[in-house]
Amino acid sequence: MVHHVILGAGPAGVIAAETLRRQAPDDRITLVGDEREAPYSRMAIPYLLMGNIGEEGTLLRKGARHYSDLRIEAVQARATAVDTQGRQVTLDNGASLAFDTLLIATGSNPVSAPIPGIDLPGVESCWTLADARAIQARAAKGARVLQMGAGFIGCIILEALAARGVALTVVEMGDRMVPRMMGPAAGGMIKQWVEAKGVTVFTGTRVESIAQGKDKTLDVKLSNGKTLNVDLVISATGVKPAIGFLEKTGVKCLQGVLTDEHMQSNVPGIYAAGDCAEAFDKVSGTTVVSAIQPNAAEQARVAALNMALQNRPGKRAVLRGVTQINVLDTLGLISTSFGNWQGAPGGQHAELTDAPAWRHLSLQFQGDVLVGCNSVGWTEHVGVMRGLVEGQVKLGGWKDELLKDPTQLVPAYLACAQAQGHWSGADDARRRA
């Protein structure tokens, strides 16, 4: 019997297992997750902290017998090694699994900053359900909380903490909020918005040390000379693909596991999907780790379809590419980032800022193609921005119109994208956003 092993029980792993079962009803499928929880979504943790859902609301599939009914063997363990020649995975519980195909869907791990005191009780990462429980215990209304990091994930955590009514201070090493998603004007506008909502933000600042204070509090020393006494420290300083166990296996990794258009690695029969996979981005023309759930789901589907065909006849599935997409709600202010938002060498750009209305729009062009964009507060353009960037729509003379007035995105889309047959129209693009 063909045996498919999936490492990682997040969205990518679960979608891959379900897809495999539909495509290969008689094959053996083993889903390995390294947490002592039923498979859940990390993206649901902020909603748990807000009180919008209970822990059961984080589960990817609600039925207690969902996996057993599909004859998917669920194993709670962590992979420590892969023998690509012998086709074996070694687990931290001492067991090993032989495989015919293997999917690496292990996601990411939080990056722990090298700060004295980072391992003290009361310093949490907000990455697992166990982290969420520890945060809930300390982040009562009025509690003093310091958060390190104001990137994309950090801003999502910020939203949840603010909803709990804590006294929140955010410390970001970059010169603006979400520096890997937004340019200076947009990132600065988000900072001003957050401060107006009662959150203290220090940009261009780092945490130098954390020490035990009185009554289980923490004393946090900042590079700006301030020392803050707080009840809880949240570390949101970034994540990296969880692929350390692949070292010396022969599986080629750059930032993540390097994959081809079939989501297969350089080792036949070994695939990757999700936050640990590096796939081709058609806009930038390079391979990227695009750590967003829609990309993870599509990568998992493509990988599973091809795993089911391993050593069997059939047309192989192809990933059409990934695009860097981020849509963020920060205390009610919607911001977006698509594609190469920093711009292409030699390209042109247009920028419009309406500070009193909390609006900003930045468009980046290469030739007559929109290759990237940022927006703050301009929600009516989100769908067409994604459509133009992903579709690599040739704008012709409309590029000059957008350079003069960036708000003319919808007419430009209707005039160019429909004519070139990319999508059926702006409404369809909005639905896809």
Protein backbone atom coordinates (compact mmCIF):
# COMPACT_ATOMS: atom_id res chain seq x y z
CA MET A 1 0.00 0.00 0.00
CA VAL A 2 1.28 3.48 -0.89
CA HIS A 3 2.02 5.51 2.25
CA HIS A 4 1.83 9.32 2.25
CA VAL A 5 3.35 11.06 5.29
CA ILE A 6 2.48 14.70 6.01
CA LEU A 7 4.62 16.61 8.50
CA GLY A 8 2.59 19.49 9.94
CA ALA A 9 -1.04 19.56 11.07
CA GLY A 10 -1.86 23.18 10.24
CA PRO A 11 -4.09 24.28 7.37
CA ALA A 12 -1.67 23.09 4.67
CA GLY A 13 -1.25 19.66 6.23
CA VAL A 14 -4.96 19.13 6.81
CA ILE A 15 -5.98 20.27 3.32
CA ALA A 16 -3.32 18.03 1.79
CA ALA A 17 -4.51 15.01 3.80
CA GLU A 18 -8.13 15.54 2.79
CA THR A 19 -7.20 16.08 -0.86
CA LEU A 20 -5.11 12.91 -0.84
CA ARG A 21 -7.96 10.89 0.60
CA ARG A 22 -10.30 12.05 -2.18
CA GLN A 23 -7.73 11.31 -4.87
CA ALA A 24 -6.26 8.11 -3.42
CA PRO A 25 -9.05 6.33 -1.50
CA ASP A 26 -7.02 3.19 -0.85
CA ASP A 27 -3.69 4.76 0.15
CA ARG A 28 -2.40 5.10 3.70
CA ILE A 29 -2.16 8.68 5.00
CA THR A 30 -0.37 9.76 8.19
CA LEU A 31 -0.66 13.33 9.49
CA VAL A 32 2.04 14.29 11.99
CA GLY A 33 1.51 17.34 14.24
CA ASP A 34 4.02 18.46 16.86
CA GLU A 35 1.52 19.94 19.33
CA ARG A 36 -0.58 18.05 21.83
CA GLU A 37 -3.72 19.62 20.38
CA ALA A 38 -6.17 18.69 17.65
CA PRO A 39 -5.22 20.48 14.39
CA TYR A 40 -6.07 24.18 14.73
CA SER A 41 -5.49 27.50 12.99
CA ARG A 42 -2.92 29.90 14.41
CA MET A 43 -4.78 32.72 12.64
CA ALA A 44 -7.71 32.10 15.00
CA ILE A 45 -5.67 32.75 18.15
CA PRO A 46 -6.21 36.56 18.11
CA TYR A 47 -9.98 35.96 17.97
CA LEU A 48 -9.62 33.64 20.94
CA LEU A 49 -7.79 36.38 22.86
CA MET A 50 -10.49 38.89 21.92
CA GLY A 51 -13.11 36.55 23.36
CA ASN A 52 -14.92 36.17 20.03
CA ILE A 53 -14.45 32.38 20.05
CA GLY A 54 -13.56 29.64 22.50
CA GLU A 55 -10.73 27.18 21.99
CA GLU A 56 -13.02 24.89 20.01
CA GLY A 57 -13.44 27.74 17.53
CA THR A 58 -9.75 27.52 16.61
CA LEU A 59 -10.07 23.91 15.41
CA LEU A 60 -9.66 23.38 11.69
CA ARG A 61 -12.27 20.62 11.68
CA LYS A 62 -14.94 20.38 14.37
CA GLY A 63 -15.95 16.71 14.33
CA ALA A 64 -14.12 14.57 16.89
CA ARG A 65 -14.01 11.69 14.40
CA HIS A 66 -13.21 13.76 11.30
CA TYR A 67 -9.73 12.33 10.73
CA SER A 68 -10.49 8.76 11.78
CA ASP A 69 -13.58 8.72 9.56
CA LEU A 70 -11.33 9.66 6.63
CA ARG A 71 -8.83 6.99 7.69
CA ILE A 72 -6.18 9.64 8.26
CA GLU A 73 -3.80 8.49 11.00
CA ALA A 74 -3.06 11.41 13.33
CA VAL A 75 0.27 11.27 15.17
CA GLN A 76 1.34 13.80 17.82
CA ALA A 77 5.10 14.04 17.46
CA ARG A 78 7.84 16.14 15.89
CA ALA A 79 10.06 15.10 13.02
CA THR A 80 13.76 15.14 13.95
CA ALA A 81 15.32 13.65 10.81
CA VAL A 82 14.53 12.50 7.28
CA ASP A 83 16.39 9.73 5.48
CA THR A 84 15.75 10.55 1.83
CA GLN A 85 17.50 7.41 0.57
CA GLY A 86 15.81 5.00 2.96
CA ARG A 87 12.51 6.91 2.78
CA GLN A 88 12.13 7.15 6.56
CA VAL A 89 11.12 9.94 8.95
CA THR A 90 12.40 9.80 12.53
CA LEU A 91 10.13 11.28 15.23
CA ASP A 92 10.97 12.66 18.67
CA ASN A 93 8.96 9.89 20.35
CA GLY A 94 11.45 7.31 19.09
CA ALA A 95 9.22 6.02 16.31
CA SER A 96 9.96 6.14 12.59
CA LEU A 97 7.66 6.23 9.58
CA ALA A 98 8.42 4.75 6.19
CA PHE A 99 6.99 6.79 3.32
CA ASP A 100 6.45 6.65 -0.40
CA THR A 101 5.70 10.37 -0.60
CA LEU A 102 6.42 13.03 2.01
CA LEU A 103 4.93 16.50 2.41
CA ILE A 104 6.84 19.08 4.46
CA ALA A 105 4.13 21.37 5.87
CA THR A 106 5.77 22.22 9.18
CA GLY A 107 5.05 25.95 8.98
CA SER A 108 7.12 28.48 10.89
CA ASN A 109 8.53 28.98 14.35
CA PRO A 110 8.79 32.31 16.21
CA VAL A 111 12.19 33.99 16.12
CA SER A 112 13.41 34.63 19.65
CA ALA A 113 15.42 37.86 19.90
CA PRO A 114 18.82 37.50 21.65
CA ILE A 115 17.83 39.60 24.64
CA PRO A 116 18.84 38.95 28.28
CA GLY A 117 15.71 37.75 30.10
CA ILE A 118 13.81 36.65 26.98
CA ASP A 119 13.11 33.26 28.60
CA LEU A 120 11.67 34.63 31.85
CA PRO A 121 8.14 33.67 32.93
CA GLY A 122 5.72 36.27 31.57
CA VAL A 123 7.46 36.57 28.17
CA GLU A 124 5.27 34.89 25.54
CA SER A 125 5.30 34.47 21.77
CA CYS A 126 1.54 34.31 20.97
CA TRP A 127 2.08 31.48 18.50
CA THR A 128 0.43 28.41 20.02
CA LEU A 129 -2.70 27.66 22.03
CA ALA A 130 -0.42 27.15 25.03
CA ASP A 131 0.92 30.69 24.49
CA ALA A 132 -2.65 32.01 24.25
CA ARG A 133 -3.57 30.43 27.59
CA ALA A 134 -0.54 32.02 29.26
CA ILE A 135 -1.41 35.42 27.76
CA GLN A 136 -5.03 35.16 28.90
CA ALA A 137 -3.82 34.55 32.45
CA ARG A 138 -1.80 37.80 32.53
CA ALA A 139 -3.54 40.13 30.06
CA ALA A 140 -6.55 41.12 32.14
CA LYS A 141 -8.18 44.50 31.64
CA GLY A 142 -5.80 47.24 32.75
CA ALA A 143 -2.73 44.99 32.72
CA ARG A 144 0.45 46.64 31.48
CA VAL A 145 1.67 44.84 28.36
CA LEU A 146 4.75 45.50 26.24
CA GLN A 147 4.85 44.03 22.74
CA MET A 148 8.09 43.66 20.81
CA GLY A 149 7.48 43.94 17.08
CA ALA A 150 4.98 45.83 14.93
CA GLY A 151 5.08 43.75 11.77
CA PHE A 152 2.10 42.06 10.14
CA ILE A 153 1.71 39.42 12.85
CA GLY A 154 2.48 41.96 15.56
CA CYS A 155 -0.35 44.24 14.38
CA ILE A 156 -2.81 41.34 14.50
CA ILE A 157 -1.73 40.59 18.07
CA LEU A 158 -1.96 44.30 18.88
CA GLU A 159 -5.60 44.27 17.81
CA ALA A 160 -6.37 41.37 20.14
CA LEU A 161 -4.56 42.91 23.11
CA ALA A 162 -6.30 46.25 22.63
CA ALA A 163 -9.65 44.45 22.63
CA ARG A 164 -8.77 42.99 26.05
CA GLY A 165 -8.43 46.52 27.45
CA VAL A 166 -4.76 46.33 28.42
CA ALA A 167 -2.41 49.31 28.71
CA LEU A 168 -0.30 48.52 25.64
CA THR A 169 3.15 49.69 24.58
CA VAL A 170 4.59 48.53 21.25
CA VAL A 171 8.31 48.62 20.52
CA GLU A 172 9.50 48.33 16.89
CA MET A 173 13.13 48.38 15.74
CA GLY A 174 12.18 49.71 12.30
CA ASP A 175 11.50 53.36 11.59
CA ARG A 176 7.77 52.68 11.08
CA MET A 177 5.08 50.12 11.75
CA VAL A 178 4.83 47.08 9.41
CA PRO A 179 8.14 47.99 7.74
CA ARG A 180 8.17 44.82 5.59
CA MET A 181 4.72 45.61 4.21
CA MET A 182 4.49 49.40 4.07
CA GLY A 183 6.60 52.34 2.94
CA PRO A 184 7.45 55.25 5.27
CA ALA A 185 4.30 57.31 4.62
CA ALA A 186 1.91 54.37 5.07
CA GLY A 187 3.73 52.87 8.05
CA GLY A 188 3.91 56.28 9.71
CA MET A 189 0.18 56.83 9.17
CA ILE A 190 -0.64 53.49 10.81
CA LYS A 191 1.52 54.47 13.79
CA GLN A 192 -0.33 57.79 14.18
CA TRP A 193 -3.69 55.99 13.98
CA VAL A 194 -2.71 53.45 16.64
CA GLU A 195 -1.41 56.16 18.95
CA ALA A 196 -4.67 58.08 18.53
CA LYS A 197 -6.43 54.93 19.78
CA GLY A 198 -4.44 54.97 23.02
CA VAL A 199 -1.54 52.62 22.22
CA THR A 200 1.99 53.85 22.97
CA VAL A 201 4.36 53.14 20.06
CA PHE A 202 8.15 53.49 20.06
CA THR A 203 9.68 53.04 16.58
CA GLY A 204 13.42 52.98 15.95
CA THR A 205 13.68 51.39 19.39
CA ARG A 206 14.76 47.98 20.67
CA VAL A 207 14.41 46.09 23.92
CA GLU A 208 17.84 45.80 25.54
CA SER A 209 17.00 43.57 28.48
CA ILE A 210 14.19 42.05 30.52
CA ALA A 211 14.57 41.50 34.27
CA GLN A 212 12.36 40.08 36.99
CA GLY A 213 10.55 42.85 38.84
CA LYS A 214 8.45 42.78 41.99
CA ASP A 215 5.31 40.64 42.35
CA LYS A 216 5.92 38.65 39.14
CA THR A 217 6.22 41.82 37.04
CA LEU A 218 8.96 42.48 34.49
CA ASP A 219 11.31 45.43 34.10
CA VAL A 220 11.99 46.11 30.42
CA LYS A 221 14.91 48.34 29.49
CA LEU A 222 14.60 50.12 26.12
CA SER A 223 17.28 51.62 23.89
CA ASN A 224 15.60 55.05 24.19
CA GLY A 225 16.61 55.19 27.86
CA LYS A 226 13.22 54.23 29.30
CA THR A 227 12.62 51.30 31.65
CA LEU A 228 9.03 50.05 31.84
CA ASN A 229 7.54 47.84 34.55
CA VAL A 230 4.95 45.56 32.95
CA ASP A 231 2.86 42.50 33.69
CA LEU A 232 3.45 40.76 30.36
CA VAL A 233 5.87 40.90 27.42
CA ILE A 234 4.80 39.66 24.00
CA SER A 235 7.57 38.73 21.57
CA ALA A 236 6.37 39.25 17.98
CA THR A 237 9.72 39.79 16.30
CA GLY A 238 9.14 37.51 13.34
CA VAL A 239 9.06 33.87 12.33
CA LYS A 240 11.19 31.55 10.21
CA PRO A 241 10.37 28.30 8.38
CA ALA A 242 10.53 25.23 10.62
CA ILE A 243 12.92 23.22 8.45
CA GLY A 244 15.95 22.67 10.69
CA PHE A 245 15.39 18.91 10.68
CA LEU A 246 16.11 18.87 6.92
CA GLU A 247 19.74 19.88 7.37
CA LYS A 248 22.12 17.46 5.62
CA THR A 249 19.22 15.55 4.03
CA GLY A 250 19.91 16.72 0.49
CA VAL A 251 16.56 18.54 0.32
CA LYS A 252 17.44 21.95 -1.12
CA CYS A 253 16.41 24.86 1.09
CA LEU A 254 16.94 28.60 0.69
CA GLN A 255 14.61 30.55 2.97
CA GLY A 256 12.21 27.62 2.78
CA VAL A 257 12.07 24.27 0.99
CA LEU A 258 12.67 25.14 -2.65
CA THR A 259 9.89 23.73 -4.83
CA ASP A 260 9.06 23.46 -8.51
CA GLU A 261 5.71 24.21 -10.15
CA HIS A 262 4.38 20.89 -8.84
CA MET A 263 5.40 21.78 -5.23
CA GLN A 264 8.02 19.03 -5.38
CA SER A 265 11.46 19.56 -3.90
CA ASN A 266 14.68 18.54 -5.64
CA VAL A 267 14.19 15.06 -4.12
CA PRO A 268 11.55 13.07 -6.05
CA GLY A 269 8.52 12.24 -3.93
CA ILE A 270 9.25 14.91 -1.32
CA TYR A 271 6.99 17.97 -1.49
CA ALA A 272 6.45 21.15 0.53
CA ALA A 273 3.55 23.54 1.13
CA GLY A 274 2.67 26.48 3.32
CA ASP A 275 4.90 28.75 5.38
CA CYS A 276 7.93 26.44 5.03
CA ALA A 277 7.76 26.24 1.21
CA GLU A 278 9.54 28.53 -1.21
CA ALA A 279 7.66 28.84 -4.50
CA PHE A 280 7.85 31.00 -7.62
CA ASP A 281 6.37 34.50 -7.51
CA LYS A 282 5.43 35.50 -11.04
CA VAL A 283 5.38 39.23 -10.23
CA SER A 284 8.90 39.53 -8.82
CA GLY A 285 10.26 36.68 -10.95
CA THR A 286 11.90 35.10 -7.90
CA THR A 287 11.10 32.37 -5.40
CA VAL A 288 9.50 33.53 -2.14
CA VAL A 289 8.08 32.21 1.10
CA SER A 290 4.57 33.70 1.05
CA ALA A 291 3.24 32.97 4.51
CA ILE A 292 -0.48 33.55 4.03
CA GLN A 293 -3.22 30.95 4.32
CA PRO A 294 -4.70 31.20 0.78
CA ASN A 295 -1.29 30.44 -0.72
CA ALA A 296 -0.76 27.61 1.77
CA ALA A 297 -4.11 26.06 0.85
CA GLU A 298 -3.43 26.14 -2.89
CA GLN A 299 0.10 24.83 -2.47
CA ALA A 300 -1.22 21.97 -0.33
CA ARG A 301 -3.87 21.11 -2.90
CA VAL A 302 -1.34 21.03 -5.76
CA ALA A 303 1.17 19.01 -3.73
CA ALA A 304 -1.45 16.46 -2.69
CA LEU A 305 -2.75 15.99 -6.23
CA ASN A 306 0.77 15.23 -7.39
CA MET A 307 1.54 12.97 -4.42
CA ALA A 308 -1.53 10.90 -5.33
CA LEU A 309 -0.10 10.48 -8.84
CA GLN A 310 3.36 9.40 -7.68
CA ASN A 311 4.33 6.39 -9.81
CA ARG A 312 0.87 6.48 -11.39
CA PRO A 313 -0.24 7.83 -14.77
CA GLY A 314 -2.06 11.15 -14.90
CA LYS A 315 -1.66 14.84 -15.63
CA ARG A 316 0.27 16.60 -12.89
CA ALA A 317 -1.15 19.66 -11.16
CA VAL A 318 0.70 22.96 -11.54
CA LEU A 319 0.91 25.90 -9.14
CA ARG A 320 0.31 29.05 -11.13
CA GLY A 321 2.54 31.02 -8.81
CA VAL A 322 2.24 33.00 -5.62
CA THR A 323 1.80 36.69 -5.06
CA GLN A 324 2.76 38.62 -1.98
CA ILE A 325 -0.62 39.67 -0.56
CA ASN A 326 -1.33 41.27 2.80
CA VAL A 327 -4.55 42.84 4.02
CA LEU A 328 -4.43 44.18 7.57
CA ASP A 329 -7.04 45.67 9.90
CA THR A 330 -5.28 47.70 12.60
CA LEU A 331 -7.84 48.98 15.10
CA GLY A 332 -10.24 49.74 12.25
CA LEU A 333 -7.74 51.13 9.71
CA ILE A 334 -7.49 48.85 6.67
CA SER A 335 -4.14 48.65 4.89
CA THR A 336 -3.01 46.47 1.99
CA SER A 337 0.17 45.45 0.26
CA PHE A 338 0.39 43.58 -3.05
CA GLY A 339 3.32 42.32 -5.07
CA ASN A 340 6.55 44.29 -5.30
CA TRP A 341 5.35 47.25 -3.22
CA GLN A 342 8.88 48.65 -2.91
CA GLY A 343 9.11 49.08 -6.68
CA ALA A 344 11.20 47.67 -9.50
CA PRO A 345 14.60 49.07 -10.54
CA GLY A 346 14.06 51.80 -13.09
CA GLY A 347 10.30 51.67 -12.62
CA GLN A 348 7.96 54.59 -12.08
CA HIS A 349 5.66 55.21 -9.15
CA ALA A 350 2.71 57.32 -8.11
CA GLU A 351 1.79 58.28 -4.57
CA LEU A 352 -1.15 60.10 -3.02
CA THR A 353 -1.65 60.93 0.66
CA ASP A 354 -4.75 62.42 2.29
CA ALA A 355 -3.59 62.63 5.91
CA PRO A 356 -6.77 64.21 7.39
CA ALA A 357 -8.85 61.35 5.93
CA TRP A 358 -6.29 58.66 6.95
CA ARG A 359 -5.75 57.66 3.34
CA HIS A 360 -2.62 56.77 1.39
CA LEU A 361 -2.08 55.11 -1.98
CA SER A 362 1.21 54.08 -3.60
CA LEU A 363 1.51 52.41 -7.02
CA GLN A 364 4.67 50.86 -8.47
CA PHE A 365 5.10 50.25 -12.20
CA GLN A 366 7.54 48.34 -14.38
CA GLY A 367 6.94 49.41 -17.93
CA ASP A 368 3.16 49.65 -18.24
CA VAL A 369 2.45 46.92 -15.66
CA LEU A 370 1.45 47.55 -12.05
CA VAL A 371 3.90 45.31 -10.14
CA GLY A 372 3.11 46.40 -6.60
CA CYS A 373 1.08 48.75 -4.43
CA ASN A 374 0.27 49.90 -0.91
CA SER A 375 -2.92 51.40 0.37
CA VAL A 376 -4.18 52.73 3.68
CA GLY A 377 -7.85 53.54 4.11
CA TRP A 378 -8.67 53.17 0.38
CA THR A 379 -10.66 49.96 0.65
CA GLU A 380 -12.67 50.43 -2.56
CA HIS A 381 -9.57 49.69 -4.64
CA VAL A 382 -8.43 46.47 -2.96
CA GLY A 383 -9.95 44.07 -5.47
CA VAL A 384 -8.74 45.82 -8.59
CA MET A 385 -5.24 46.32 -7.15
CA ARG A 386 -4.94 42.59 -6.61
CA GLY A 387 -6.37 41.89 -10.06
CA LEU A 388 -3.96 44.24 -11.81
CA VAL A 389 -0.88 43.00 -9.93
CA GLU A 390 -1.66 39.28 -10.12
CA GLY A 391 -2.84 39.49 -13.73
CA GLN A 392 0.22 41.50 -14.82
CA VAL A 393 -2.22 43.52 -16.88
CA LYS A 394 -0.69 45.76 -19.55
CA LEU A 395 -2.08 49.21 -18.91
CA GLY A 396 -0.89 50.99 -22.05
CA GLY A 397 -1.89 54.65 -21.89
CA TRP A 398 -3.72 54.10 -18.63
CA LYS A 399 -0.39 53.99 -16.83
CA ASP A 400 0.10 57.71 -17.54
CA GLU A 401 -3.41 58.38 -16.25
CA LEU A 402 -2.60 56.52 -13.01
CA LEU A 403 0.66 58.43 -12.61
CA LYS A 404 -1.43 61.61 -12.66
CA ASP A 405 -4.28 60.28 -10.52
CA PRO A 406 -3.72 56.94 -8.70
CA THR A 407 -7.39 56.78 -7.70
CA GLN A 408 -8.37 55.89 -11.30
CA LEU A 409 -7.66 52.20 -10.66
CA VAL A 410 -11.19 50.94 -11.30
CA PRO A 411 -11.58 52.59 -14.75
CA ALA A 412 -8.08 51.39 -15.64
CA TYR A 413 -8.98 47.84 -14.63
CA LEU A 414 -12.25 47.86 -16.54
CA ALA A 415 -10.61 49.25 -19.65
CA CYS A 416 -7.56 46.97 -19.67
CA ALA A 417 -8.13 43.75 -17.72
CA GLN A 418 -11.46 42.85 -19.32
CA ALA A 419 -10.12 43.55 -22.79
CA GLN A 420 -7.15 41.25 -22.12
CA GLY A 421 -9.36 38.52 -20.68
CA HIS A 422 -7.79 38.34 -17.22
CA TRP A 423 -11.05 38.26 -15.25
CA SER A 424 -14.68 39.01 -15.90
CA GLY A 425 -14.52 42.41 -14.27
CA ALA A 426 -13.82 44.51 -11.21
CA ASP A 427 -16.54 42.81 -9.18
CA ASP A 428 -14.85 39.44 -9.71
CA ALA A 429 -11.54 40.90 -8.63
CA ARG A 430 -13.15 42.26 -5.48
CA ARG A 431 -14.59 38.84 -4.68
CA ARG A 432 -11.15 37.28 -5.01
CA ALA A 433 -9.51 39.84 -2.69
